[in-house]
Amino acid sequence: MNMKRFILKRDGKDKGTDSVYPDLNPENIPSQYALNRTQNYFSTFLPDDTSFKGMIPEYIGDNPPKQVHTICDMHDFIRKKPYAQVYSVSKRFKELLEKFTIPNTKFYEGSVVWNEKEYPYFVWHILTQQFSFVDFEKSLFCDTNYFSKDAIGTEYYKVSDFSKLYPLKKEKKWDMWGFYRAVMKPEFREVDVYEMDYYGIVISERLKEAIESAQLTNVSITPCPIEFEISDQI
């Protein structure tokens, strides 16, 4: 039986108004290590003393509102974004996430200054080790539309490990690599968050339901364009 997953991302729109939610400016964070692009923070956590206290909400765009009207449960970054898979989340979003199975993840303390008050916020870091759950013996890969994430054509290929995907993409002149058949290792059943390259943050149905029940703001959840199979069921 195929396993459904969903894509979690920042919504970007304030439901009920025409204005966008603000982004967060982390330029004033105490630890400048978090902005060090010479380190590979896609596969390594930031230093333990990294702090994101004092972030400032700002709007971007051609005609932004004159002042920030709200802060929410998930923000993007503006200006100096840390060079890693990181997302700014509220305290209640962090507490919800901690109830679920998220491999290779860490939270850094921070805060947002808004309307002369300081609110606790956290920066959620997910290491990009998404291929550790892929069963390469049984998965197949193909050309995929970069924007829709849908498979293109009927040609598909098997590779022995993730390092072969990008050379294959270049050789075949694909728009992007994607799954023609996504077969995962049995451990994937219990995984609730999975950072997967072009697809973004892939979440389980149980986490989707928890987020929707909590009515978290500035989050968007859409069906993942691919369904997953588990290797011990095929």
C-alpha atoms as a PDB file:
ATOM      1  CA  MET A   1       0.000   0.000   0.000  1.00  0.00           C
ATOM      2  CA  ASN A   2       1.343   3.427  -0.966  1.00  0.00           C
ATOM      3  CA  MET A   3       2.003   5.936   1.788  1.00  0.00           C
ATOM      4  CA  LYS A   4       0.747   9.494   1.383  1.00  0.00           C
ATOM      5  CA  ARG A   5       2.852  12.432   2.450  1.00  0.00           C
ATOM      6  CA  PHE A   6       2.341  16.199   2.372  1.00  0.00           C
ATOM      7  CA  ILE A   7       4.455  19.298   1.724  1.00  0.00           C
ATOM      8  CA  LEU A   8       4.762  21.853   4.526  1.00  0.00           C
ATOM      9  CA  LYS A   9       5.825  25.373   3.659  1.00  0.00           C
ATOM     10  CA  ARG A  10       5.293  28.972   4.648  1.00  0.00           C
ATOM     11  CA  ASP A  11       1.949  30.200   3.340  1.00  0.00           C
ATOM     12  CA  GLY A  12       2.985  33.797   2.676  1.00  0.00           C
ATOM     13  CA  LYS A  13      -0.516  35.236   2.788  1.00  0.00           C
ATOM     14  CA  ASP A  14      -2.482  36.516   5.745  1.00  0.00           C
ATOM     15  CA  LYS A  15      -5.886  34.885   5.425  1.00  0.00           C
ATOM     16  CA  GLY A  16      -8.516  37.610   5.696  1.00  0.00           C
ATOM     17  CA  THR A  17      -6.320  40.432   4.380  1.00  0.00           C
ATOM     18  CA  ASP A  18      -4.380  41.221   1.221  1.00  0.00           C
ATOM     19  CA  SER A  19      -1.074  41.756   2.994  1.00  0.00           C
ATOM     20  CA  VAL A  20       1.685  39.197   3.319  1.00  0.00           C
ATOM     21  CA  TYR A  21       3.065  38.025   6.620  1.00  0.00           C
ATOM     22  CA  PRO A  22       6.391  39.609   7.532  1.00  0.00           C
ATOM     23  CA  ASP A  23       9.723  37.860   7.197  1.00  0.00           C
ATOM     24  CA  LEU A  24      12.369  37.935   9.919  1.00  0.00           C
ATOM     25  CA  ASN A  25      15.668  39.772   9.686  1.00  0.00           C
ATOM     26  CA  PRO A  26      18.401  37.821  11.559  1.00  0.00           C
ATOM     27  CA  GLU A  27      21.210  40.328  10.906  1.00  0.00           C
ATOM     28  CA  ASN A  28      21.510  41.159  14.603  1.00  0.00           C
ATOM     29  CA  ILE A  29      21.897  37.607  15.907  1.00  0.00           C
ATOM     30  CA  PRO A  30      24.708  37.360  18.476  1.00  0.00           C
ATOM     31  CA  SER A  31      26.416  34.330  16.927  1.00  0.00           C
ATOM     32  CA  GLN A  32      27.834  35.250  13.542  1.00  0.00           C
ATOM     33  CA  TYR A  33      28.808  31.609  13.067  1.00  0.00           C
ATOM     34  CA  ALA A  34      25.247  31.047  11.905  1.00  0.00           C
ATOM     35  CA  LEU A  35      25.971  33.218   8.879  1.00  0.00           C
ATOM     36  CA  ASN A  36      29.269  31.529   8.008  1.00  0.00           C
ATOM     37  CA  ARG A  37      28.910  30.142   4.484  1.00  0.00           C
ATOM     38  CA  THR A  38      32.253  28.341   4.654  1.00  0.00           C
ATOM     39  CA  GLN A  39      30.708  25.672   6.886  1.00  0.00           C
ATOM     40  CA  ASN A  40      28.445  22.919   5.563  1.00  0.00           C
ATOM     41  CA  TYR A  41      25.425  23.463   7.777  1.00  0.00           C
ATOM     42  CA  PHE A  42      23.239  21.412   5.439  1.00  0.00           C
ATOM     43  CA  SER A  43      24.805  18.296   6.977  1.00  0.00           C
ATOM     44  CA  THR A  44      26.132  19.715  10.287  1.00  0.00           C
ATOM     45  CA  PHE A  45      24.349  21.519  13.112  1.00  0.00           C
ATOM     46  CA  LEU A  46      25.211  25.099  14.021  1.00  0.00           C
ATOM     47  CA  PRO A  47      27.343  25.630  17.153  1.00  0.00           C
ATOM     48  CA  ASP A  48      25.524  24.908  20.435  1.00  0.00           C
ATOM     49  CA  ASP A  49      25.746  28.542  21.542  1.00  0.00           C
ATOM     50  CA  THR A  50      24.018  29.877  18.414  1.00  0.00           C
ATOM     51  CA  SER A  51      21.309  32.347  19.401  1.00  0.00           C
ATOM     52  CA  PHE A  52      18.689  34.017  17.239  1.00  0.00           C
ATOM     53  CA  LYS A  53      17.499  36.522  19.834  1.00  0.00           C
ATOM     54  CA  GLY A  54      16.380  39.942  18.630  1.00  0.00           C
ATOM     55  CA  MET A  55      15.115  39.130  15.135  1.00  0.00           C
ATOM     56  CA  ILE A  56      13.068  41.931  13.572  1.00  0.00           C
ATOM     57  CA  PRO A  57       9.913  41.315  11.470  1.00  0.00           C
ATOM     58  CA  GLU A  58       9.953  43.151   8.142  1.00  0.00           C
ATOM     59  CA  TYR A  59       7.896  43.136   4.964  1.00  0.00           C
ATOM     60  CA  ILE A  60       9.294  42.717   1.480  1.00  0.00           C
ATOM     61  CA  GLY A  61       7.781  43.505  -1.901  1.00  0.00           C
ATOM     62  CA  ASP A  62       7.030  46.520  -4.060  1.00  0.00           C
ATOM     63  CA  ASN A  63       4.276  47.980  -1.897  1.00  0.00           C
ATOM     64  CA  PRO A  64       4.700  46.612   1.642  1.00  0.00           C
ATOM     65  CA  PRO A  65       2.449  47.793   4.492  1.00  0.00           C
ATOM     66  CA  LYS A  66       3.859  50.709   6.477  1.00  0.00           C
ATOM     67  CA  GLN A  67       4.146  48.654   9.646  1.00  0.00           C
ATOM     68  CA  VAL A  68       4.061  45.010  10.694  1.00  0.00           C
ATOM     69  CA  HIS A  69       0.515  44.141  11.717  1.00  0.00           C
ATOM     70  CA  THR A  70       1.105  40.635  13.072  1.00  0.00           C
ATOM     71  CA  ILE A  71       3.597  37.868  13.737  1.00  0.00           C
ATOM     72  CA  CYS A  72       2.792  34.203  13.201  1.00  0.00           C
ATOM     73  CA  ASP A  73       3.823  30.591  13.784  1.00  0.00           C
ATOM     74  CA  MET A  74       6.189  30.233  10.836  1.00  0.00           C
ATOM     75  CA  HIS A  75       8.319  32.923   9.219  1.00  0.00           C
ATOM     76  CA  ASP A  76      10.805  33.022   6.391  1.00  0.00           C
ATOM     77  CA  PHE A  77      14.066  34.978   6.600  1.00  0.00           C
ATOM     78  CA  ILE A  78      14.982  38.228   4.887  1.00  0.00           C
ATOM     79  CA  ARG A  79      18.458  39.622   4.140  1.00  0.00           C
ATOM     80  CA  LYS A  80      21.102  37.392   5.773  1.00  0.00           C
ATOM     81  CA  LYS A  81      19.468  33.983   5.889  1.00  0.00           C
ATOM     82  CA  PRO A  82      21.602  31.343   7.647  1.00  0.00           C
ATOM     83  CA  TYR A  83      23.144  28.986   5.118  1.00  0.00           C
ATOM     84  CA  ALA A  84      21.231  25.859   6.109  1.00  0.00           C
ATOM     85  CA  GLN A  85      17.748  24.293   6.050  1.00  0.00           C
ATOM     86  CA  VAL A  86      16.361  26.495   8.808  1.00  0.00           C
ATOM     87  CA  TYR A  87      12.896  27.819   9.590  1.00  0.00           C
ATOM     88  CA  SER A  88      11.758  30.279  12.232  1.00  0.00           C
ATOM     89  CA  VAL A  89       8.870  28.945  14.325  1.00  0.00           C
ATOM     90  CA  SER A  90       6.858  30.071  17.320  1.00  0.00           C
ATOM     91  CA  LYS A  91       7.060  28.433  20.732  1.00  0.00           C
ATOM     92  CA  ARG A  92       3.774  26.584  20.231  1.00  0.00           C
ATOM     93  CA  PHE A  93       4.879  25.271  16.829  1.00  0.00           C
ATOM     94  CA  LYS A  94       8.152  24.023  18.384  1.00  0.00           C
ATOM     95  CA  GLU A  95       6.274  22.280  21.195  1.00  0.00           C
ATOM     96  CA  LEU A  96       3.990  20.576  18.671  1.00  0.00           C
ATOM     97  CA  LEU A  97       6.915  19.423  16.514  1.00  0.00           C
ATOM     98  CA  GLU A  98       8.718  17.939  19.502  1.00  0.00           C
ATOM     99  CA  LYS A  99       5.913  15.402  19.902  1.00  0.00           C
ATOM    100  CA  PHE A 100       6.726  13.854  16.519  1.00  0.00           C
ATOM    101  CA  THR A 101       9.563  11.822  15.000  1.00  0.00           C
ATOM    102  CA  ILE A 102      11.957  14.158  13.199  1.00  0.00           C
ATOM    103  CA  PRO A 103      15.411  12.683  12.491  1.00  0.00           C
ATOM    104  CA  ASN A 104      18.445  14.958  12.327  1.00  0.00           C
ATOM    105  CA  THR A 105      16.809  18.076  13.752  1.00  0.00           C
ATOM    106  CA  LYS A 106      17.628  20.743  16.325  1.00  0.00           C
ATOM    107  CA  PHE A 107      16.070  23.931  17.703  1.00  0.00           C
ATOM    108  CA  TYR A 108      18.007  27.105  18.518  1.00  0.00           C
ATOM    109  CA  GLU A 109      16.657  29.667  20.957  1.00  0.00           C
ATOM    110  CA  GLY A 110      15.677  33.054  19.634  1.00  0.00           C
ATOM    111  CA  SER A 111      13.186  35.877  19.904  1.00  0.00           C
ATOM    112  CA  VAL A 112      11.279  38.378  17.807  1.00  0.00           C
ATOM    113  CA  VAL A 113      11.033  42.036  18.782  1.00  0.00           C
ATOM    114  CA  TRP A 114       7.679  43.512  17.747  1.00  0.00           C
ATOM    115  CA  ASN A 115       5.652  46.434  19.107  1.00  0.00           C
ATOM    116  CA  GLU A 116       8.290  47.052  21.787  1.00  0.00           C
ATOM    117  CA  LYS A 117       7.901  43.529  23.167  1.00  0.00           C
ATOM    118  CA  GLU A 118      10.129  40.468  22.836  1.00  0.00           C
ATOM    119  CA  TYR A 119       8.468  37.173  21.941  1.00  0.00           C
ATOM    120  CA  PRO A 120      10.164  33.746  22.280  1.00  0.00           C
ATOM    121  CA  TYR A 121      10.868  32.156  18.914  1.00  0.00           C
ATOM    122  CA  PHE A 122      12.991  29.257  17.761  1.00  0.00           C
ATOM    123  CA  VAL A 123      14.968  28.440  14.656  1.00  0.00           C
ATOM    124  CA  TRP A 124      14.257  24.920  13.474  1.00  0.00           C
ATOM    125  CA  HIS A 125      17.204  23.266  11.708  1.00  0.00           C
ATOM    126  CA  ILE A 126      16.780  20.101   9.632  1.00  0.00           C
ATOM    127  CA  LEU A 127      19.892  18.410   8.296  1.00  0.00           C
ATOM    128  CA  THR A 128      19.707  17.550   4.626  1.00  0.00           C
ATOM    129  CA  GLN A 129      20.182  13.790   4.893  1.00  0.00           C
ATOM    130  CA  GLN A 130      17.000  12.859   3.092  1.00  0.00           C
ATOM    131  CA  PHE A 131      18.532  10.068   1.021  1.00  0.00           C
ATOM    132  CA  SER A 132      19.250   7.884   4.044  1.00  0.00           C
ATOM    133  CA  PHE A 133      15.712   6.477   3.870  1.00  0.00           C
ATOM    134  CA  VAL A 134      15.637   5.815   0.114  1.00  0.00           C
ATOM    135  CA  ASP A 135      15.881   2.199  -1.039  1.00  0.00           C
ATOM    136  CA  PHE A 136      18.006   2.744  -4.136  1.00  0.00           C
ATOM    137  CA  GLU A 137      17.742  -0.902  -5.142  1.00  0.00           C
ATOM    138  CA  LYS A 138      14.029  -0.511  -5.778  1.00  0.00           C
ATOM    139  CA  SER A 139      13.525   3.208  -6.498  1.00  0.00           C
ATOM    140  CA  LEU A 140      13.469   4.690 -10.008  1.00  0.00           C
ATOM    141  CA  PHE A 141      14.222   8.273 -11.045  1.00  0.00           C
ATOM    142  CA  CYS A 142      13.084  10.432 -13.942  1.00  0.00           C
ATOM    143  CA  ASP A 143      12.908  13.963 -15.356  1.00  0.00           C
ATOM    144  CA  THR A 144      10.567  16.151 -13.283  1.00  0.00           C
ATOM    145  CA  ASN A 145       9.042  19.575 -13.774  1.00  0.00           C
ATOM    146  CA  TYR A 146      10.811  21.987 -11.434  1.00  0.00           C
ATOM    147  CA  PHE A 147       7.681  23.981 -10.592  1.00  0.00           C
ATOM    148  CA  SER A 148       4.917  21.358 -10.453  1.00  0.00           C
ATOM    149  CA  LYS A 149       7.207  18.509  -9.280  1.00  0.00           C
ATOM    150  CA  ASP A 150       5.364  16.208 -11.718  1.00  0.00           C
ATOM    151  CA  ALA A 151       7.190  13.520 -13.673  1.00  0.00           C
ATOM    152  CA  ILE A 152       7.997  14.291 -17.323  1.00  0.00           C
ATOM    153  CA  GLY A 153       7.974  11.555 -19.961  1.00  0.00           C
ATOM    154  CA  THR A 154       8.288   7.809 -19.438  1.00  0.00           C
ATOM    155  CA  GLU A 155      12.060   7.272 -19.278  1.00  0.00           C
ATOM    156  CA  TYR A 156      13.290   6.207 -15.875  1.00  0.00           C
ATOM    157  CA  TYR A 157      16.579   5.086 -14.383  1.00  0.00           C
ATOM    158  CA  LYS A 158      18.030   3.354 -11.343  1.00  0.00           C
ATOM    159  CA  VAL A 159      21.066   4.721  -9.507  1.00  0.00           C
ATOM    160  CA  SER A 160      23.162   3.120  -6.787  1.00  0.00           C
ATOM    161  CA  ASP A 161      23.232   6.134  -4.456  1.00  0.00           C
ATOM    162  CA  PHE A 162      22.342   9.823  -4.269  1.00  0.00           C
ATOM    163  CA  SER A 163      25.731  10.978  -5.599  1.00  0.00           C
ATOM    164  CA  LYS A 164      24.738   9.623  -9.020  1.00  0.00           C
ATOM    165  CA  LEU A 165      21.523  11.676  -9.259  1.00  0.00           C
ATOM    166  CA  TYR A 166      23.015  15.023 -10.209  1.00  0.00           C
ATOM    167  CA  PRO A 167      25.386  13.627 -12.880  1.00  0.00           C
ATOM    168  CA  LEU A 168      22.383  11.751 -14.317  1.00  0.00           C
ATOM    169  CA  LYS A 169      20.314  14.960 -14.335  1.00  0.00           C
ATOM    170  CA  LYS A 170      23.104  16.784 -16.165  1.00  0.00           C
ATOM    171  CA  GLU A 171      23.708  13.967 -18.640  1.00  0.00           C
ATOM    172  CA  LYS A 172      20.023  13.632 -19.564  1.00  0.00           C
ATOM    173  CA  LYS A 173      19.437  17.425 -19.477  1.00  0.00           C
ATOM    174  CA  TRP A 174      16.544  17.037 -17.079  1.00  0.00           C
ATOM    175  CA  ASP A 175      14.652  19.974 -15.612  1.00  0.00           C
ATOM    176  CA  MET A 176      15.251  18.361 -12.207  1.00  0.00           C
ATOM    177  CA  TRP A 177      15.564  14.815 -10.927  1.00  0.00           C
ATOM    178  CA  GLY A 178      12.496  13.253  -9.337  1.00  0.00           C
ATOM    179  CA  PHE A 179      10.997   9.928  -8.402  1.00  0.00           C
ATOM    180  CA  TYR A 180       9.360   7.727 -11.000  1.00  0.00           C
ATOM    181  CA  ARG A 181       8.955   5.178  -8.203  1.00  0.00           C
ATOM    182  CA  ALA A 182       9.754   6.141  -4.607  1.00  0.00           C
ATOM    183  CA  VAL A 183      10.564   3.110  -2.463  1.00  0.00           C
ATOM    184  CA  MET A 184      11.652   3.792   1.092  1.00  0.00           C
ATOM    185  CA  LYS A 185      13.225   1.723   3.833  1.00  0.00           C
ATOM    186  CA  PRO A 186      10.881   0.362   6.570  1.00  0.00           C
ATOM    187  CA  GLU A 187      12.068   2.980   9.114  1.00  0.00           C
ATOM    188  CA  PHE A 188      10.405   5.648   6.975  1.00  0.00           C
ATOM    189  CA  ARG A 189       6.981   4.597   8.329  1.00  0.00           C
ATOM    190  CA  GLU A 190       7.664   6.344  11.643  1.00  0.00           C
ATOM    191  CA  VAL A 191       9.252   9.483  10.194  1.00  0.00           C
ATOM    192  CA  ASP A 192       7.048  12.582  10.470  1.00  0.00           C
ATOM    193  CA  VAL A 193       9.347  15.159   8.848  1.00  0.00           C
ATOM    194  CA  TYR A 194      11.638  14.538   5.909  1.00  0.00           C
ATOM    195  CA  GLU A 195      13.629  17.317   4.194  1.00  0.00           C
ATOM    196  CA  MET A 196      13.780  16.200   0.571  1.00  0.00           C
ATOM    197  CA  ASP A 197      15.715  18.445  -1.803  1.00  0.00           C
ATOM    198  CA  TYR A 198      13.441  20.068  -4.424  1.00  0.00           C
ATOM    199  CA  TYR A 199      10.277  18.801  -2.752  1.00  0.00           C
ATOM    200  CA  GLY A 200      10.901  20.692   0.503  1.00  0.00           C
ATOM    201  CA  ILE A 201       9.580  19.642   3.922  1.00  0.00           C
ATOM    202  CA  VAL A 202       7.680  16.366   3.518  1.00  0.00           C
ATOM    203  CA  ILE A 203       5.443  15.546   6.502  1.00  0.00           C
ATOM    204  CA  SER A 204       3.280  12.638   7.631  1.00  0.00           C
ATOM    205  CA  GLU A 205      -0.504  12.686   7.631  1.00  0.00           C
ATOM    206  CA  ARG A 206      -0.575  12.584  11.445  1.00  0.00           C
ATOM    207  CA  LEU A 207       1.586  15.719  11.677  1.00  0.00           C
ATOM    208  CA  LYS A 208      -0.560  17.400   9.016  1.00  0.00           C
ATOM    209  CA  GLU A 209      -3.666  16.751  11.112  1.00  0.00           C
ATOM    210  CA  ALA A 210      -1.998  18.062  14.280  1.00  0.00           C
ATOM    211  CA  ILE A 211      -0.912  21.291  12.564  1.00  0.00           C
ATOM    212  CA  GLU A 212      -4.383  21.837  11.139  1.00  0.00           C
ATOM    213  CA  SER A 213      -6.012  21.102  14.500  1.00  0.00           C
ATOM    214  CA  ALA A 214      -3.722  23.643  16.213  1.00  0.00           C
ATOM    215  CA  GLN A 215      -4.630  26.221  13.534  1.00  0.00           C
ATOM    216  CA  LEU A 216      -1.048  27.360  13.150  1.00  0.00           C
ATOM    217  CA  THR A 217      -0.661  30.555  11.150  1.00  0.00           C
ATOM    218  CA  ASN A 218       1.345  31.186   7.972  1.00  0.00           C
ATOM    219  CA  VAL A 219       1.672  27.509   7.101  1.00  0.00           C
ATOM    220  CA  SER A 220       0.559  25.829   3.908  1.00  0.00           C
ATOM    221  CA  ILE A 221       0.057  22.071   3.541  1.00  0.00           C
ATOM    222  CA  THR A 222      -0.443  20.485   0.130  1.00  0.00           C
ATOM    223  CA  PRO A 223      -0.358  16.862  -1.078  1.00  0.00           C
ATOM    224  CA  CYS A 224       3.097  15.611  -2.018  1.00  0.00           C
ATOM    225  CA  PRO A 225       3.186  14.975  -5.795  1.00  0.00           C
ATOM    226  CA  ILE A 226       4.634  11.508  -5.224  1.00  0.00           C
ATOM    227  CA  GLU A 227       3.453   8.586  -3.131  1.00  0.00           C
ATOM    228  CA  PHE A 228       5.869   6.383  -1.244  1.00  0.00           C
ATOM    229  CA  GLU A 229       6.126   2.622  -1.075  1.00  0.00           C
ATOM    230  CA  ILE A 230       7.836   0.718   1.735  1.00  0.00           C
ATOM    231  CA  SER A 231      10.418  -1.863   0.652  1.00  0.00           C
ATOM    232  CA  ASP A 232       9.232  -4.662   2.943  1.00  0.00           C
ATOM    233  CA  GLN A 233       5.721  -4.474   1.453  1.00  0.00           C
ATOM    234  CA  ILE A 234       6.609  -4.980  -2.187  1.00  0.00           C
END
